[in-house]
Amino acid sequence: MKLVGSYTSPFVRKLSILLLEKGITFEFINELPITRTTAWRNLTR
């Protein structure tokens, strides 16, 4: 699983804690909304 976000977001922090408690492995991709890549921007449209 890939978790895309920033640890400055309370939602990302809560989700990462939940995943760790449940033992679910995930890859964290630190990406601020301002610096989103074109690929991520296209997914939101």
PDB file of N, CA and C in Angstrom:
ATOM      1  N   MET A   1       0.847  -1.159   0.000  1.00  0.00           N
ATOM      2  CA  MET A   1       0.000   0.000   0.000  1.00  0.00           C
ATOM      3  C   MET A   1       0.897   1.227   0.000  1.00  0.00           C
ATOM      4  N   LYS A   2       0.474   2.256  -0.702  1.00  0.00           N
ATOM      5  CA  LYS A   2       1.198   3.522  -0.712  1.00  0.00           C
ATOM      6  C   LYS A   2       0.351   4.581  -0.031  1.00  0.00           C
ATOM      7  N   LEU A   3       0.963   5.284   0.888  1.00  0.00           N
ATOM      8  CA  LEU A   3       0.310   6.388   1.580  1.00  0.00           C
ATOM      9  C   LEU A   3       0.969   7.671   1.101  1.00  0.00           C
ATOM     10  N   VAL A   4       0.210   8.473   0.367  1.00  0.00           N
ATOM     11  CA  VAL A   4       0.738   9.712  -0.196  1.00  0.00           C
ATOM     12  C   VAL A   4       0.189  10.875   0.603  1.00  0.00           C
ATOM     13  N   GLY A   5       1.064  11.733   1.079  1.00  0.00           N
ATOM     14  CA  GLY A   5       0.623  12.882   1.848  1.00  0.00           C
ATOM     15  C   GLY A   5       1.789  13.528   2.556  1.00  0.00           C
ATOM     16  N   SER A   6       1.467  14.299   3.555  1.00  0.00           N
ATOM     17  CA  SER A   6       2.478  14.992   4.347  1.00  0.00           C
ATOM     18  C   SER A   6       2.175  14.750   5.816  1.00  0.00           C
ATOM     19  N   TYR A   7       3.229  14.537   6.606  1.00  0.00           N
ATOM     20  CA  TYR A   7       3.012  14.309   8.031  1.00  0.00           C
ATOM     21  C   TYR A   7       2.539  15.564   8.751  1.00  0.00           C
ATOM     22  N   THR A   8       2.481  16.688   8.061  1.00  0.00           N
ATOM     23  CA  THR A   8       1.899  17.879   8.675  1.00  0.00           C
ATOM     24  C   THR A   8       0.379  17.784   8.714  1.00  0.00           C
ATOM     25  N   SER A   9      -0.189  16.857   7.944  1.00  0.00           N
ATOM     26  CA  SER A   9      -1.634  16.655   7.924  1.00  0.00           C
ATOM     27  C   SER A   9      -2.048  15.735   9.072  1.00  0.00           C
ATOM     28  N   PRO A  10      -3.024  16.147   9.870  1.00  0.00           N
ATOM     29  CA  PRO A  10      -3.468  15.273  10.962  1.00  0.00           C
ATOM     30  C   PRO A  10      -4.114  13.988  10.447  1.00  0.00           C
ATOM     31  N   PHE A  11      -4.711  14.023   9.264  1.00  0.00           N
ATOM     32  CA  PHE A  11      -5.352  12.839   8.704  1.00  0.00           C
ATOM     33  C   PHE A  11      -4.308  11.800   8.295  1.00  0.00           C
ATOM     34  N   VAL A  12      -3.214  12.246   7.726  1.00  0.00           N
ATOM     35  CA  VAL A  12      -2.137  11.336   7.333  1.00  0.00           C
ATOM     36  C   VAL A  12      -1.494  10.725   8.568  1.00  0.00           C
ATOM     37  N   ARG A  13      -1.286  11.520   9.596  1.00  0.00           N
ATOM     38  CA  ARG A  13      -0.702  10.996  10.839  1.00  0.00           C
ATOM     39  C   ARG A  13      -1.610   9.949  11.467  1.00  0.00           C
ATOM     40  N   LYS A  14      -2.912  10.223  11.519  1.00  0.00           N
ATOM     41  CA  LYS A  14      -3.853   9.261  12.112  1.00  0.00           C
ATOM     42  C   LYS A  14      -3.889   7.962  11.319  1.00  0.00           C
ATOM     43  N   LEU A  15      -3.908   8.075   9.996  1.00  0.00           N
ATOM     44  CA  LEU A  15      -3.959   6.881   9.160  1.00  0.00           C
ATOM     45  C   LEU A  15      -2.674   6.071   9.283  1.00  0.00           C
ATOM     46  N   SER A  16      -1.530   6.735   9.336  1.00  0.00           N
ATOM     47  CA  SER A  16      -0.272   5.998   9.462  1.00  0.00           C
ATOM     48  C   SER A  16      -0.194   5.278  10.812  1.00  0.00           C
ATOM     49  N   ILE A  17      -0.679   5.899  11.871  1.00  0.00           N
ATOM     50  CA  ILE A  17      -0.708   5.239  13.183  1.00  0.00           C
ATOM     51  C   ILE A  17      -1.634   4.029  13.145  1.00  0.00           C
ATOM     52  N   LEU A  18      -2.785   4.171  12.518  1.00  0.00           N
ATOM     53  CA  LEU A  18      -3.727   3.060  12.402  1.00  0.00           C
ATOM     54  C   LEU A  18      -3.112   1.898  11.628  1.00  0.00           C
ATOM     55  N   LEU A  19      -2.450   2.203  10.514  1.00  0.00           N
ATOM     56  CA  LEU A  19      -1.822   1.145   9.720  1.00  0.00           C
ATOM     57  C   LEU A  19      -0.726   0.437  10.510  1.00  0.00           C
ATOM     58  N   LEU A  20       0.063   1.196  11.257  1.00  0.00           N
ATOM     59  CA  LEU A  20       1.113   0.587  12.075  1.00  0.00           C
ATOM     60  C   LEU A  20       0.526  -0.293  13.173  1.00  0.00           C
ATOM     61  N   GLU A  21      -0.553   0.158  13.811  1.00  0.00           N
ATOM     62  CA  GLU A  21      -1.184  -0.634  14.871  1.00  0.00           C
ATOM     63  C   GLU A  21      -1.789  -1.918  14.331  1.00  0.00           C
ATOM     64  N   LYS A  22      -2.330  -1.870  13.121  1.00  0.00           N
ATOM     65  CA  LYS A  22      -2.941  -3.055  12.510  1.00  0.00           C
ATOM     66  C   LYS A  22      -1.912  -3.980  11.878  1.00  0.00           C
ATOM     67  N   GLY A  23      -0.658  -3.523  11.785  1.00  0.00           N
ATOM     68  CA  GLY A  23       0.391  -4.355  11.202  1.00  0.00           C
ATOM     69  C   GLY A  23       0.374  -4.376   9.689  1.00  0.00           C
ATOM     70  N   ILE A  24      -0.246  -3.395   9.082  1.00  0.00           N
ATOM     71  CA  ILE A  24      -0.322  -3.310   7.626  1.00  0.00           C
ATOM     72  C   ILE A  24       0.909  -2.565   7.122  1.00  0.00           C
ATOM     73  N   THR A  25       1.628  -3.193   6.206  1.00  0.00           N
ATOM     74  CA  THR A  25       2.822  -2.544   5.669  1.00  0.00           C
ATOM     75  C   THR A  25       2.414  -1.517   4.624  1.00  0.00           C
ATOM     76  N   PHE A  26       3.117  -0.395   4.631  1.00  0.00           N
ATOM     77  CA  PHE A  26       2.821   0.656   3.663  1.00  0.00           C
ATOM     78  C   PHE A  26       4.085   1.434   3.357  1.00  0.00           C
ATOM     79  N   GLU A  27       4.075   2.043   2.200  1.00  0.00           N
ATOM     80  CA  GLU A  27       5.175   2.911   1.781  1.00  0.00           C
ATOM     81  C   GLU A  27       4.674   4.341   1.873  1.00  0.00           C
ATOM     82  N   PHE A  28       5.383   5.175   2.619  1.00  0.00           N
ATOM     83  CA  PHE A  28       4.974   6.567   2.769  1.00  0.00           C
ATOM     84  C   PHE A  28       5.677   7.420   1.730  1.00  0.00           C
ATOM     85  N   ILE A  29       4.896   8.179   0.972  1.00  0.00           N
ATOM     86  CA  ILE A  29       5.427   9.106  -0.022  1.00  0.00           C
ATOM     87  C   ILE A  29       5.094  10.505   0.464  1.00  0.00           C
ATOM     88  N   ASN A  30       6.131  11.221   0.896  1.00  0.00           N
ATOM     89  CA  ASN A  30       5.946  12.565   1.437  1.00  0.00           C
ATOM     90  C   ASN A  30       5.819  13.545   0.282  1.00  0.00           C
ATOM     91  N   GLU A  31       4.612  14.057   0.089  1.00  0.00           N
ATOM     92  CA  GLU A  31       4.373  14.985  -1.004  1.00  0.00           C
ATOM     93  C   GLU A  31       3.402  16.060  -0.536  1.00  0.00           C
ATOM     94  N   LEU A  32       3.830  17.278  -0.601  1.00  0.00           N
ATOM     95  CA  LEU A  32       2.981  18.401  -0.228  1.00  0.00           C
ATOM     96  C   LEU A  32       1.992  18.697  -1.350  1.00  0.00           C
ATOM     97  N   PRO A  33       0.789  19.171  -1.027  1.00  0.00           N
ATOM     98  CA  PRO A  33      -0.195  19.480  -2.075  1.00  0.00           C
ATOM     99  C   PRO A  33       0.306  20.511  -3.083  1.00  0.00           C
ATOM    100  N   ILE A  34       1.157  21.407  -2.644  1.00  0.00           N
ATOM    101  CA  ILE A  34       1.666  22.445  -3.547  1.00  0.00           C
ATOM    102  C   ILE A  34       2.611  21.857  -4.583  1.00  0.00           C
ATOM    103  N   THR A  35       3.367  20.838  -4.197  1.00  0.00           N
ATOM    104  CA  THR A  35       4.380  20.272  -5.090  1.00  0.00           C
ATOM    105  C   THR A  35       3.945  18.951  -5.704  1.00  0.00           C
ATOM    106  N   ARG A  36       2.675  18.741  -5.868  1.00  0.00           N
ATOM    107  CA  ARG A  36       2.199  17.490  -6.462  1.00  0.00           C
ATOM    108  C   ARG A  36       2.722  17.344  -7.879  1.00  0.00           C
ATOM    109  N   THR A  37       3.031  16.108  -8.227  1.00  0.00           N
ATOM    110  CA  THR A  37       3.480  15.835  -9.583  1.00  0.00           C
ATOM    111  C   THR A  37       2.284  15.843 -10.521  1.00  0.00           C
ATOM    112  N   THR A  38       2.562  15.924 -11.789  1.00  0.00           N
ATOM    113  CA  THR A  38       1.494  15.957 -12.788  1.00  0.00           C
ATOM    114  C   THR A  38       0.642  14.694 -12.731  1.00  0.00           C
ATOM    115  N   ALA A  39       1.264  13.556 -12.477  1.00  0.00           N
ATOM    116  CA  ALA A  39       0.511  12.296 -12.421  1.00  0.00           C
ATOM    117  C   ALA A  39      -0.553  12.332 -11.334  1.00  0.00           C
ATOM    118  N   TRP A  40      -0.223  12.884 -10.158  1.00  0.00           N
ATOM    119  CA  TRP A  40      -1.204  12.948  -9.075  1.00  0.00           C
ATOM    120  C   TRP A  40      -2.280  13.975  -9.372  1.00  0.00           C
ATOM    121  N   ARG A  41      -1.913  15.077 -10.007  1.00  0.00           N
ATOM    122  CA  ARG A  41      -2.914  16.092 -10.337  1.00  0.00           C
ATOM    123  C   ARG A  41      -3.947  15.542 -11.313  1.00  0.00           C
ATOM    124  N   ASN A  42      -3.512  14.704 -12.241  1.00  0.00           N
ATOM    125  CA  ASN A  42      -4.436  14.143 -13.221  1.00  0.00           C
ATOM    126  C   ASN A  42      -5.423  13.175 -12.576  1.00  0.00           C
ATOM    127  N   LEU A  43      -5.049  12.547 -11.479  1.00  0.00           N
ATOM    128  CA  LEU A  43      -5.956  11.624 -10.799  1.00  0.00           C
ATOM    129  C   LEU A  43      -7.106  12.349 -10.116  1.00  0.00           C
ATOM    130  N   THR A  44      -6.913  13.595  -9.757  1.00  0.00           N
ATOM    131  CA  THR A  44      -7.951  14.317  -9.028  1.00  0.00           C
ATOM    132  C   THR A  44      -8.960  14.982  -9.945  1.00  0.00           C
ATOM    133  N   ARG A  45      -8.740  14.930 -11.219  1.00  0.00           N
ATOM    134  CA  ARG A  45      -9.669  15.578 -12.166  1.00  0.00           C
ATOM    135  C   ARG A  45     -10.649  14.614 -12.743  1.00  0.00           C
TER     136      ARG A  45
END
